[in-house]
N, C-alpha and C. Protein backbone atom coordinates (compact mmCIF):
# COMPACT_ATOMS: atom_id res chain seq x y z
N MET A 1 13.77 33.94 -17.96
CA MET A 1 13.56 33.12 -16.79
C MET A 1 14.75 33.20 -15.84
N GLY A 2 15.98 33.37 -16.37
CA GLY A 2 17.16 33.38 -15.53
C GLY A 2 17.11 34.45 -14.46
N HIS A 3 16.66 35.64 -14.80
CA HIS A 3 16.59 36.73 -13.82
C HIS A 3 15.40 36.56 -12.90
N ARG A 4 14.39 35.93 -13.39
CA ARG A 4 13.15 35.78 -12.62
C ARG A 4 13.37 35.00 -11.33
N LEU A 5 14.25 34.00 -11.36
CA LEU A 5 14.47 33.16 -10.19
C LEU A 5 15.76 33.52 -9.46
N SER A 6 16.28 34.71 -9.70
CA SER A 6 17.53 35.08 -9.05
C SER A 6 17.33 35.40 -7.57
N LYS A 7 16.13 35.78 -7.18
CA LYS A 7 15.85 36.05 -5.78
C LYS A 7 14.85 35.01 -5.28
N ILE A 8 15.29 34.16 -4.36
CA ILE A 8 14.46 33.08 -3.87
C ILE A 8 13.64 33.54 -2.66
N VAL A 9 14.25 34.22 -1.71
CA VAL A 9 13.54 34.71 -0.53
C VAL A 9 12.91 36.06 -0.88
N THR A 10 11.58 36.07 -0.95
CA THR A 10 10.88 37.32 -1.28
C THR A 10 10.06 37.87 -0.13
N ARG A 11 9.71 37.02 0.82
CA ARG A 11 8.88 37.36 1.98
C ARG A 11 7.44 37.76 1.60
N THR A 12 7.09 37.65 0.32
CA THR A 12 5.74 38.04 -0.09
C THR A 12 4.68 37.04 0.36
N GLY A 13 5.09 35.83 0.74
CA GLY A 13 4.13 34.83 1.19
C GLY A 13 4.01 34.72 2.69
N ASP A 14 4.69 35.59 3.41
CA ASP A 14 4.69 35.50 4.87
C ASP A 14 3.31 35.70 5.49
N GLY A 15 2.41 36.35 4.78
CA GLY A 15 1.08 36.61 5.31
C GLY A 15 0.07 35.51 4.98
N GLY A 16 0.54 34.40 4.38
CA GLY A 16 -0.36 33.29 4.10
C GLY A 16 -0.97 33.33 2.71
N GLU A 17 -0.47 34.19 1.86
CA GLU A 17 -0.93 34.25 0.47
C GLU A 17 0.26 33.99 -0.44
N THR A 18 -0.05 33.60 -1.67
CA THR A 18 0.99 33.38 -2.66
C THR A 18 0.55 34.00 -3.98
N GLY A 19 1.52 34.32 -4.80
CA GLY A 19 1.23 34.94 -6.09
C GLY A 19 1.01 33.89 -7.16
N LEU A 20 0.03 34.14 -8.00
CA LEU A 20 -0.19 33.29 -9.17
C LEU A 20 0.54 33.91 -10.36
N ALA A 21 0.68 33.15 -11.41
CA ALA A 21 1.43 33.60 -12.58
C ALA A 21 0.77 34.77 -13.30
N ASP A 22 -0.53 34.98 -13.06
CA ASP A 22 -1.21 36.12 -13.69
C ASP A 22 -1.08 37.39 -12.85
N GLY A 23 -0.33 37.32 -11.75
CA GLY A 23 -0.13 38.49 -10.90
C GLY A 23 -1.09 38.59 -9.73
N SER A 24 -2.14 37.78 -9.73
CA SER A 24 -3.10 37.82 -8.62
C SER A 24 -2.52 37.07 -7.42
N ARG A 25 -3.15 37.28 -6.27
CA ARG A 25 -2.71 36.60 -5.04
C ARG A 25 -3.86 35.76 -4.53
N THR A 26 -3.51 34.67 -3.88
CA THR A 26 -4.53 33.76 -3.37
C THR A 26 -4.03 33.14 -2.08
N PRO A 27 -4.93 32.74 -1.18
CA PRO A 27 -4.49 32.09 0.05
C PRO A 27 -3.72 30.80 -0.25
N LYS A 28 -2.71 30.52 0.56
CA LYS A 28 -1.89 29.33 0.35
C LYS A 28 -2.66 28.04 0.58
N ASP A 29 -3.80 28.13 1.26
CA ASP A 29 -4.60 26.92 1.47
C ASP A 29 -5.81 26.86 0.54
N SER A 30 -5.80 27.64 -0.53
CA SER A 30 -6.91 27.61 -1.49
C SER A 30 -6.89 26.29 -2.26
N ALA A 31 -8.02 25.96 -2.84
CA ALA A 31 -8.12 24.73 -3.63
C ALA A 31 -7.14 24.76 -4.80
N ARG A 32 -6.91 25.91 -5.39
CA ARG A 32 -5.98 26.02 -6.52
C ARG A 32 -4.55 25.70 -6.07
N ILE A 33 -4.13 26.28 -4.96
CA ILE A 33 -2.77 26.04 -4.49
C ILE A 33 -2.62 24.60 -3.98
N ARG A 34 -3.67 24.06 -3.38
CA ARG A 34 -3.63 22.66 -2.96
C ARG A 34 -3.43 21.76 -4.18
N ALA A 35 -4.17 22.00 -5.25
CA ALA A 35 -4.03 21.18 -6.46
C ALA A 35 -2.64 21.35 -7.06
N LEU A 36 -2.16 22.58 -7.11
CA LEU A 36 -0.83 22.84 -7.65
C LEU A 36 0.22 22.10 -6.82
N GLY A 37 0.08 22.13 -5.50
CA GLY A 37 1.02 21.44 -4.62
C GLY A 37 1.00 19.94 -4.80
N GLU A 38 -0.20 19.39 -5.01
CA GLU A 38 -0.31 17.94 -5.22
C GLU A 38 0.37 17.53 -6.52
N VAL A 39 0.21 18.33 -7.56
CA VAL A 39 0.86 18.04 -8.84
C VAL A 39 2.38 18.16 -8.68
N ASP A 40 2.83 19.14 -7.93
CA ASP A 40 4.26 19.31 -7.66
C ASP A 40 4.80 18.11 -6.88
N GLU A 41 4.05 17.63 -5.89
CA GLU A 41 4.48 16.46 -5.13
C GLU A 41 4.55 15.22 -6.03
N LEU A 42 3.60 15.09 -6.92
CA LEU A 42 3.61 13.98 -7.87
C LEU A 42 4.88 14.04 -8.73
N ASN A 43 5.20 15.23 -9.22
CA ASN A 43 6.39 15.39 -10.04
C ASN A 43 7.64 15.02 -9.25
N SER A 44 7.69 15.43 -7.99
CA SER A 44 8.83 15.09 -7.13
C SER A 44 8.90 13.59 -6.88
N THR A 45 7.76 12.95 -6.71
CA THR A 45 7.72 11.50 -6.51
C THR A 45 8.26 10.78 -7.73
N LEU A 46 7.91 11.28 -8.91
CA LEU A 46 8.47 10.69 -10.13
C LEU A 46 9.97 10.90 -10.19
N GLY A 47 10.44 12.04 -9.67
CA GLY A 47 11.87 12.28 -9.60
C GLY A 47 12.58 11.25 -8.74
N VAL A 48 11.96 10.84 -7.63
CA VAL A 48 12.54 9.79 -6.78
C VAL A 48 12.59 8.48 -7.56
N LEU A 49 11.52 8.15 -8.26
CA LEU A 49 11.51 6.93 -9.08
C LEU A 49 12.60 6.99 -10.14
N LEU A 50 12.78 8.15 -10.75
CA LEU A 50 13.80 8.31 -11.79
C LEU A 50 15.23 8.21 -11.25
N ALA A 51 15.40 8.33 -9.94
CA ALA A 51 16.73 8.18 -9.34
C ALA A 51 17.15 6.71 -9.27
N GLU A 52 16.22 5.81 -9.55
CA GLU A 52 16.48 4.36 -9.53
C GLU A 52 16.94 3.89 -10.92
N GLU A 53 17.48 2.68 -10.96
CA GLU A 53 17.81 2.04 -12.24
C GLU A 53 16.51 1.66 -12.92
N LEU A 54 16.32 2.15 -14.14
CA LEU A 54 15.09 1.89 -14.89
C LEU A 54 15.44 1.57 -16.34
N PRO A 55 14.60 0.81 -17.01
CA PRO A 55 14.78 0.64 -18.45
C PRO A 55 14.73 2.00 -19.14
N GLU A 56 15.51 2.17 -20.18
CA GLU A 56 15.62 3.46 -20.85
C GLU A 56 14.27 3.97 -21.36
N ALA A 57 13.44 3.08 -21.89
CA ALA A 57 12.12 3.50 -22.39
C ALA A 57 11.26 4.05 -21.26
N VAL A 58 11.36 3.43 -20.09
CA VAL A 58 10.61 3.91 -18.92
C VAL A 58 11.15 5.27 -18.49
N ARG A 59 12.47 5.37 -18.44
CA ARG A 59 13.10 6.64 -18.05
C ARG A 59 12.66 7.77 -18.98
N ASP A 60 12.70 7.51 -20.27
CA ASP A 60 12.30 8.53 -21.25
C ASP A 60 10.84 8.93 -21.07
N ALA A 61 9.98 7.95 -20.86
CA ALA A 61 8.55 8.22 -20.69
C ALA A 61 8.31 9.05 -19.43
N LEU A 62 8.93 8.67 -18.32
CA LEU A 62 8.72 9.39 -17.06
C LEU A 62 9.29 10.81 -17.12
N THR A 63 10.40 10.98 -17.82
CA THR A 63 10.96 12.32 -17.97
C THR A 63 10.01 13.21 -18.76
N ALA A 64 9.44 12.68 -19.83
CA ALA A 64 8.45 13.44 -20.61
C ALA A 64 7.23 13.77 -19.76
N ILE A 65 6.81 12.83 -18.93
CA ILE A 65 5.66 13.05 -18.05
C ILE A 65 5.98 14.15 -17.04
N GLN A 66 7.20 14.18 -16.53
CA GLN A 66 7.57 15.26 -15.61
C GLN A 66 7.40 16.62 -16.27
N HIS A 67 7.79 16.73 -17.53
CA HIS A 67 7.62 18.00 -18.25
C HIS A 67 6.14 18.33 -18.41
N ASP A 68 5.34 17.31 -18.73
CA ASP A 68 3.89 17.52 -18.84
C ASP A 68 3.31 18.01 -17.51
N LEU A 69 3.76 17.39 -16.42
CA LEU A 69 3.24 17.79 -15.10
C LEU A 69 3.66 19.21 -14.74
N PHE A 70 4.85 19.60 -15.14
CA PHE A 70 5.27 20.98 -14.89
C PHE A 70 4.39 21.93 -15.67
N ASP A 71 4.06 21.57 -16.91
CA ASP A 71 3.12 22.38 -17.70
C ASP A 71 1.75 22.44 -17.03
N LEU A 72 1.27 21.29 -16.55
CA LEU A 72 -0.04 21.23 -15.88
C LEU A 72 -0.03 22.13 -14.65
N GLY A 73 1.03 22.04 -13.84
CA GLY A 73 1.15 22.89 -12.66
C GLY A 73 1.22 24.36 -13.03
N GLY A 74 1.97 24.66 -14.08
CA GLY A 74 2.03 26.04 -14.56
C GLY A 74 0.66 26.54 -14.98
N GLY A 75 -0.12 25.67 -15.61
CA GLY A 75 -1.48 26.04 -15.99
C GLY A 75 -2.36 26.30 -14.78
N LEU A 76 -2.13 25.57 -13.70
CA LEU A 76 -2.90 25.82 -12.48
C LEU A 76 -2.55 27.17 -11.88
N ALA A 77 -1.34 27.65 -12.15
CA ALA A 77 -0.91 28.96 -11.64
C ALA A 77 -1.47 30.12 -12.47
N ILE A 78 -2.15 29.78 -13.56
CA ILE A 78 -2.77 30.80 -14.41
C ILE A 78 -4.24 30.43 -14.58
N PRO A 79 -5.12 30.98 -13.74
CA PRO A 79 -6.55 30.63 -13.87
C PRO A 79 -7.03 30.80 -15.30
N GLY A 80 -7.71 29.76 -15.80
CA GLY A 80 -8.25 29.78 -17.15
C GLY A 80 -7.33 29.15 -18.18
N ALA A 81 -6.08 28.86 -17.82
CA ALA A 81 -5.15 28.25 -18.77
C ALA A 81 -5.52 26.79 -18.99
N ASP A 82 -5.18 26.28 -20.15
CA ASP A 82 -5.44 24.88 -20.51
C ASP A 82 -4.17 24.31 -21.13
N PRO A 83 -3.19 23.91 -20.30
CA PRO A 83 -1.89 23.52 -20.83
C PRO A 83 -1.79 22.09 -21.36
N VAL A 84 -2.74 21.24 -21.05
CA VAL A 84 -2.66 19.83 -21.46
C VAL A 84 -3.48 19.62 -22.73
N ARG A 85 -2.83 19.05 -23.73
CA ARG A 85 -3.50 18.79 -25.00
C ARG A 85 -4.06 17.37 -25.02
N ASP A 86 -5.08 17.17 -25.80
CA ASP A 86 -5.69 15.84 -25.93
C ASP A 86 -4.67 14.81 -26.42
N GLU A 87 -3.70 15.26 -27.22
CA GLU A 87 -2.67 14.35 -27.73
C GLU A 87 -1.83 13.77 -26.58
N GLN A 88 -1.62 14.57 -25.54
CA GLN A 88 -0.85 14.08 -24.40
C GLN A 88 -1.62 12.96 -23.67
N VAL A 89 -2.92 13.14 -23.54
CA VAL A 89 -3.75 12.11 -22.91
C VAL A 89 -3.74 10.85 -23.78
N ALA A 90 -3.87 11.04 -25.08
CA ALA A 90 -3.85 9.91 -26.01
C ALA A 90 -2.50 9.19 -25.95
N GLY A 91 -1.42 9.94 -25.77
CA GLY A 91 -0.10 9.34 -25.65
C GLY A 91 0.01 8.44 -24.43
N LEU A 92 -0.59 8.87 -23.32
CA LEU A 92 -0.60 8.02 -22.12
C LEU A 92 -1.40 6.75 -22.38
N GLU A 93 -2.56 6.90 -23.03
CA GLU A 93 -3.39 5.73 -23.33
C GLU A 93 -2.65 4.74 -24.21
N GLN A 94 -1.92 5.24 -25.19
CA GLN A 94 -1.15 4.38 -26.09
C GLN A 94 -0.06 3.65 -25.31
N ARG A 95 0.63 4.35 -24.43
CA ARG A 95 1.70 3.72 -23.65
C ARG A 95 1.12 2.68 -22.69
N ILE A 96 -0.05 2.96 -22.11
CA ILE A 96 -0.69 1.97 -21.22
C ILE A 96 -0.93 0.68 -22.00
N GLU A 97 -1.51 0.80 -23.19
CA GLU A 97 -1.78 -0.39 -24.01
C GLU A 97 -0.50 -1.13 -24.34
N GLU A 98 0.54 -0.39 -24.71
CA GLU A 98 1.82 -0.98 -25.08
C GLU A 98 2.46 -1.72 -23.90
N TRP A 99 2.49 -1.08 -22.74
CA TRP A 99 3.13 -1.68 -21.57
C TRP A 99 2.29 -2.81 -20.98
N ASN A 100 0.98 -2.72 -21.09
CA ASN A 100 0.10 -3.72 -20.50
C ASN A 100 0.00 -4.99 -21.36
N ALA A 101 0.22 -4.86 -22.67
CA ALA A 101 0.01 -5.98 -23.60
C ALA A 101 0.75 -7.26 -23.20
N PRO A 102 2.03 -7.21 -22.82
CA PRO A 102 2.72 -8.47 -22.50
C PRO A 102 2.43 -8.99 -21.08
N LEU A 103 1.70 -8.25 -20.28
CA LEU A 103 1.43 -8.68 -18.90
C LEU A 103 0.29 -9.68 -18.86
N ALA A 104 0.37 -10.59 -17.93
CA ALA A 104 -0.72 -11.55 -17.74
C ALA A 104 -1.97 -10.80 -17.25
N PRO A 105 -3.14 -11.21 -17.72
CA PRO A 105 -4.36 -10.57 -17.23
C PRO A 105 -4.49 -10.74 -15.72
N LEU A 106 -5.00 -9.74 -15.07
CA LEU A 106 -5.19 -9.81 -13.62
C LEU A 106 -6.46 -10.57 -13.29
N LYS A 107 -6.34 -11.52 -12.37
CA LYS A 107 -7.51 -12.26 -11.89
C LYS A 107 -7.77 -11.94 -10.43
N GLU A 108 -6.82 -11.28 -9.80
CA GLU A 108 -6.89 -10.91 -8.39
C GLU A 108 -6.43 -9.46 -8.26
N PHE A 109 -6.78 -8.83 -7.15
CA PHE A 109 -6.22 -7.53 -6.84
C PHE A 109 -4.76 -7.72 -6.48
N ILE A 110 -3.94 -6.71 -6.73
CA ILE A 110 -2.55 -6.80 -6.34
C ILE A 110 -2.23 -5.73 -5.31
N LEU A 111 -1.22 -6.02 -4.51
CA LEU A 111 -0.75 -5.08 -3.50
C LEU A 111 0.45 -4.32 -4.06
N PRO A 112 0.63 -3.07 -3.63
CA PRO A 112 1.85 -2.36 -4.02
C PRO A 112 3.04 -3.09 -3.41
N GLY A 113 4.01 -3.42 -4.20
CA GLY A 113 5.17 -4.11 -3.66
C GLY A 113 5.93 -4.84 -4.73
N GLY A 114 6.76 -5.75 -4.28
CA GLY A 114 7.65 -6.47 -5.18
C GLY A 114 9.02 -5.84 -5.09
N THR A 115 9.42 -5.19 -6.14
CA THR A 115 10.72 -4.51 -6.15
C THR A 115 10.57 -3.08 -5.63
N ARG A 116 11.71 -2.49 -5.31
CA ARG A 116 11.69 -1.10 -4.87
C ARG A 116 11.12 -0.19 -5.96
N THR A 117 11.53 -0.40 -7.20
CA THR A 117 11.05 0.47 -8.28
C THR A 117 9.55 0.30 -8.49
N ALA A 118 9.06 -0.92 -8.43
CA ALA A 118 7.62 -1.15 -8.58
C ALA A 118 6.86 -0.48 -7.44
N SER A 119 7.41 -0.59 -6.23
CA SER A 119 6.78 0.05 -5.07
C SER A 119 6.74 1.56 -5.23
N LEU A 120 7.81 2.13 -5.76
CA LEU A 120 7.84 3.58 -6.00
C LEU A 120 6.83 3.99 -7.08
N ALA A 121 6.65 3.13 -8.08
CA ALA A 121 5.64 3.42 -9.11
C ALA A 121 4.25 3.43 -8.48
N HIS A 122 3.99 2.50 -7.57
CA HIS A 122 2.70 2.47 -6.89
C HIS A 122 2.53 3.67 -5.96
N LEU A 123 3.60 4.08 -5.31
CA LEU A 123 3.54 5.28 -4.48
C LEU A 123 3.20 6.50 -5.35
N ALA A 124 3.86 6.61 -6.49
CA ALA A 124 3.56 7.71 -7.41
C ALA A 124 2.10 7.64 -7.87
N ARG A 125 1.59 6.43 -8.06
CA ARG A 125 0.18 6.26 -8.47
C ARG A 125 -0.75 6.84 -7.41
N THR A 126 -0.47 6.57 -6.14
CA THR A 126 -1.35 7.08 -5.09
C THR A 126 -1.25 8.59 -4.95
N VAL A 127 -0.06 9.14 -5.15
CA VAL A 127 0.10 10.59 -5.13
C VAL A 127 -0.64 11.19 -6.33
N CYS A 128 -0.60 10.51 -7.46
CA CYS A 128 -1.32 10.97 -8.65
C CYS A 128 -2.83 10.99 -8.40
N ARG A 129 -3.34 9.96 -7.75
CA ARG A 129 -4.78 9.94 -7.44
C ARG A 129 -5.16 11.10 -6.52
N ARG A 130 -4.28 11.42 -5.57
CA ARG A 130 -4.55 12.55 -4.67
C ARG A 130 -4.55 13.85 -5.46
N ALA A 131 -3.61 14.00 -6.39
CA ALA A 131 -3.58 15.19 -7.24
C ALA A 131 -4.85 15.29 -8.07
N GLU A 132 -5.30 14.16 -8.58
CA GLU A 132 -6.54 14.14 -9.36
C GLU A 132 -7.72 14.58 -8.49
N ARG A 133 -7.79 14.07 -7.26
CA ARG A 133 -8.89 14.48 -6.36
C ARG A 133 -8.83 15.97 -6.05
N ALA A 134 -7.63 16.51 -5.90
CA ALA A 134 -7.48 17.94 -5.64
C ALA A 134 -7.94 18.75 -6.85
N LEU A 135 -7.67 18.26 -8.05
CA LEU A 135 -8.11 18.95 -9.26
C LEU A 135 -9.64 18.90 -9.38
N VAL A 136 -10.23 17.77 -9.01
CA VAL A 136 -11.69 17.66 -9.03
C VAL A 136 -12.29 18.63 -8.01
N ALA A 137 -11.69 18.71 -6.83
CA ALA A 137 -12.18 19.64 -5.80
C ALA A 137 -12.09 21.08 -6.29
N LEU A 138 -10.99 21.43 -6.93
CA LEU A 138 -10.86 22.77 -7.50
C LEU A 138 -11.95 23.01 -8.53
N GLY A 139 -12.25 21.98 -9.31
CA GLY A 139 -13.27 22.10 -10.35
C GLY A 139 -14.67 22.35 -9.81
N ARG A 140 -14.90 22.07 -8.55
CA ARG A 140 -16.20 22.37 -7.95
C ARG A 140 -16.36 23.87 -7.70
N ALA A 141 -15.24 24.58 -7.58
CA ALA A 141 -15.28 26.01 -7.29
C ALA A 141 -14.96 26.87 -8.52
N GLU A 142 -14.13 26.35 -9.40
CA GLU A 142 -13.68 27.12 -10.56
C GLU A 142 -13.58 26.18 -11.76
N PRO A 143 -13.64 26.72 -12.96
CA PRO A 143 -13.47 25.86 -14.14
C PRO A 143 -12.07 25.24 -14.17
N VAL A 144 -12.02 23.96 -14.46
CA VAL A 144 -10.76 23.23 -14.61
C VAL A 144 -10.82 22.50 -15.95
N PRO A 145 -9.79 22.62 -16.75
CA PRO A 145 -9.82 21.94 -18.05
C PRO A 145 -9.99 20.43 -17.90
N ALA A 146 -10.90 19.87 -18.65
CA ALA A 146 -11.15 18.43 -18.60
C ALA A 146 -9.91 17.66 -19.01
N SER A 147 -9.10 18.22 -19.91
CA SER A 147 -7.90 17.51 -20.36
C SER A 147 -6.92 17.30 -19.20
N SER A 148 -6.84 18.23 -18.27
CA SER A 148 -5.94 18.08 -17.12
C SER A 148 -6.43 16.95 -16.22
N ARG A 149 -7.73 16.89 -15.99
CA ARG A 149 -8.29 15.81 -15.17
C ARG A 149 -8.05 14.45 -15.86
N ARG A 150 -8.31 14.40 -17.16
CA ARG A 150 -8.11 13.14 -17.89
C ARG A 150 -6.65 12.72 -17.86
N TYR A 151 -5.74 13.69 -17.98
CA TYR A 151 -4.31 13.38 -17.97
C TYR A 151 -3.94 12.70 -16.65
N LEU A 152 -4.35 13.27 -15.53
CA LEU A 152 -4.01 12.67 -14.24
C LEU A 152 -4.67 11.31 -14.07
N ASN A 153 -5.89 11.16 -14.56
CA ASN A 153 -6.57 9.87 -14.46
C ASN A 153 -5.81 8.80 -15.24
N ARG A 154 -5.41 9.11 -16.47
CA ARG A 154 -4.66 8.15 -17.28
C ARG A 154 -3.28 7.89 -16.70
N LEU A 155 -2.67 8.95 -16.15
CA LEU A 155 -1.33 8.77 -15.58
C LEU A 155 -1.37 7.79 -14.41
N SER A 156 -2.40 7.87 -13.58
CA SER A 156 -2.47 6.91 -12.47
C SER A 156 -2.61 5.48 -13.00
N ASP A 157 -3.36 5.31 -14.09
CA ASP A 157 -3.46 3.99 -14.71
C ASP A 157 -2.10 3.53 -15.24
N LEU A 158 -1.38 4.44 -15.88
CA LEU A 158 -0.06 4.11 -16.40
C LEU A 158 0.89 3.70 -15.27
N LEU A 159 0.83 4.42 -14.16
CA LEU A 159 1.72 4.10 -13.04
C LEU A 159 1.39 2.75 -12.42
N PHE A 160 0.12 2.37 -12.42
CA PHE A 160 -0.27 1.03 -11.97
C PHE A 160 0.36 -0.03 -12.87
N VAL A 161 0.20 0.15 -14.17
CA VAL A 161 0.78 -0.79 -15.13
C VAL A 161 2.29 -0.80 -15.00
N LEU A 162 2.89 0.36 -14.80
CA LEU A 162 4.34 0.44 -14.67
C LEU A 162 4.83 -0.37 -13.47
N GLY A 163 4.12 -0.34 -12.36
CA GLY A 163 4.50 -1.17 -11.22
C GLY A 163 4.59 -2.63 -11.60
N ARG A 164 3.62 -3.09 -12.37
CA ARG A 164 3.61 -4.48 -12.82
C ARG A 164 4.76 -4.74 -13.79
N VAL A 165 4.98 -3.80 -14.70
CA VAL A 165 6.06 -3.93 -15.69
C VAL A 165 7.41 -4.03 -14.98
N LEU A 166 7.64 -3.18 -13.99
CA LEU A 166 8.93 -3.17 -13.31
C LEU A 166 9.16 -4.45 -12.53
N ASN A 167 8.11 -5.00 -11.93
CA ASN A 167 8.26 -6.31 -11.27
C ASN A 167 8.59 -7.39 -12.29
N ARG A 168 7.89 -7.37 -13.40
CA ARG A 168 8.12 -8.39 -14.45
C ARG A 168 9.55 -8.29 -14.98
N GLU A 169 10.02 -7.06 -15.23
CA GLU A 169 11.39 -6.85 -15.72
C GLU A 169 12.41 -7.44 -14.75
N ALA A 170 12.11 -7.39 -13.46
CA ALA A 170 13.03 -7.90 -12.43
C ALA A 170 12.81 -9.38 -12.14
N GLY A 171 11.87 -10.02 -12.84
CA GLY A 171 11.59 -11.42 -12.62
C GLY A 171 10.78 -11.69 -11.36
N ARG A 172 10.09 -10.68 -10.88
CA ARG A 172 9.27 -10.82 -9.66
C ARG A 172 7.79 -10.87 -10.05
N PRO A 173 7.02 -11.71 -9.38
CA PRO A 173 5.58 -11.75 -9.67
C PRO A 173 4.86 -10.58 -9.00
N ASP A 174 3.64 -10.33 -9.46
CA ASP A 174 2.78 -9.37 -8.77
C ASP A 174 2.55 -9.88 -7.36
N VAL A 175 2.37 -8.97 -6.42
CA VAL A 175 2.05 -9.34 -5.05
C VAL A 175 0.53 -9.41 -4.96
N LEU A 176 0.00 -10.61 -4.87
CA LEU A 176 -1.45 -10.79 -4.89
C LEU A 176 -2.06 -10.54 -3.51
N TRP A 177 -3.20 -9.89 -3.52
CA TRP A 177 -3.96 -9.65 -2.29
C TRP A 177 -4.70 -10.93 -1.94
N ARG A 178 -4.68 -11.25 -0.66
CA ARG A 178 -5.45 -12.40 -0.16
C ARG A 178 -6.43 -11.87 0.87
N SER A 179 -7.67 -12.13 0.65
CA SER A 179 -8.70 -11.72 1.59
C SER A 179 -8.51 -12.47 2.91
N ARG A 180 -8.67 -11.78 4.00
CA ARG A 180 -8.56 -12.45 5.31
C ARG A 180 -9.59 -13.58 5.41
N ARG A 181 -10.72 -13.40 4.78
CA ARG A 181 -11.73 -14.45 4.80
C ARG A 181 -11.21 -15.71 4.13
N ALA A 182 -10.39 -15.54 3.09
CA ALA A 182 -9.89 -16.69 2.37
C ALA A 182 -8.74 -17.39 3.08
N THR A 183 -8.08 -16.71 4.02
CA THR A 183 -6.92 -17.30 4.69
C THR A 183 -7.27 -17.89 6.04
N ARG A 184 -8.50 -17.77 6.49
CA ARG A 184 -8.88 -18.31 7.82
C ARG A 184 -9.28 -19.73 7.73
């Protein structure tokens, strides 16, 4: 890998195409590259969240998720690859249950907000949903592993719960949505 990235400027994409890991080329605006880009943006968004002060367990979980997302993106660069294992999806489900257990049940919708870290978790959630939609769109044209779609779906749920967890850790309540009809 060290020699592979020694040359950054290649000019091979100047014509609007990019190379996939299998050696094939595809337009930069293809559904595959769009999905890959959305997953990359999600990973970068998690990097911004990780730049904040976080509980160590959260930091460890998000770092592991970044590695999973890099694997998922790498799989998108190889048509037909299936880099996400069912165990990874199950791990997200287990963490959701663990993190959600001490939280009060929701009786109202909540708004993204509260602390900066909670807001960043919600931002990552929305980027994750966009990545999931891009993967679904790709799946309309080409086969996409169901495990990758499930992973992104569970990850967005985890990031929602994480926003609540981070507010709770900081002693801040959830920001409850109030219908305009109810406030008039």
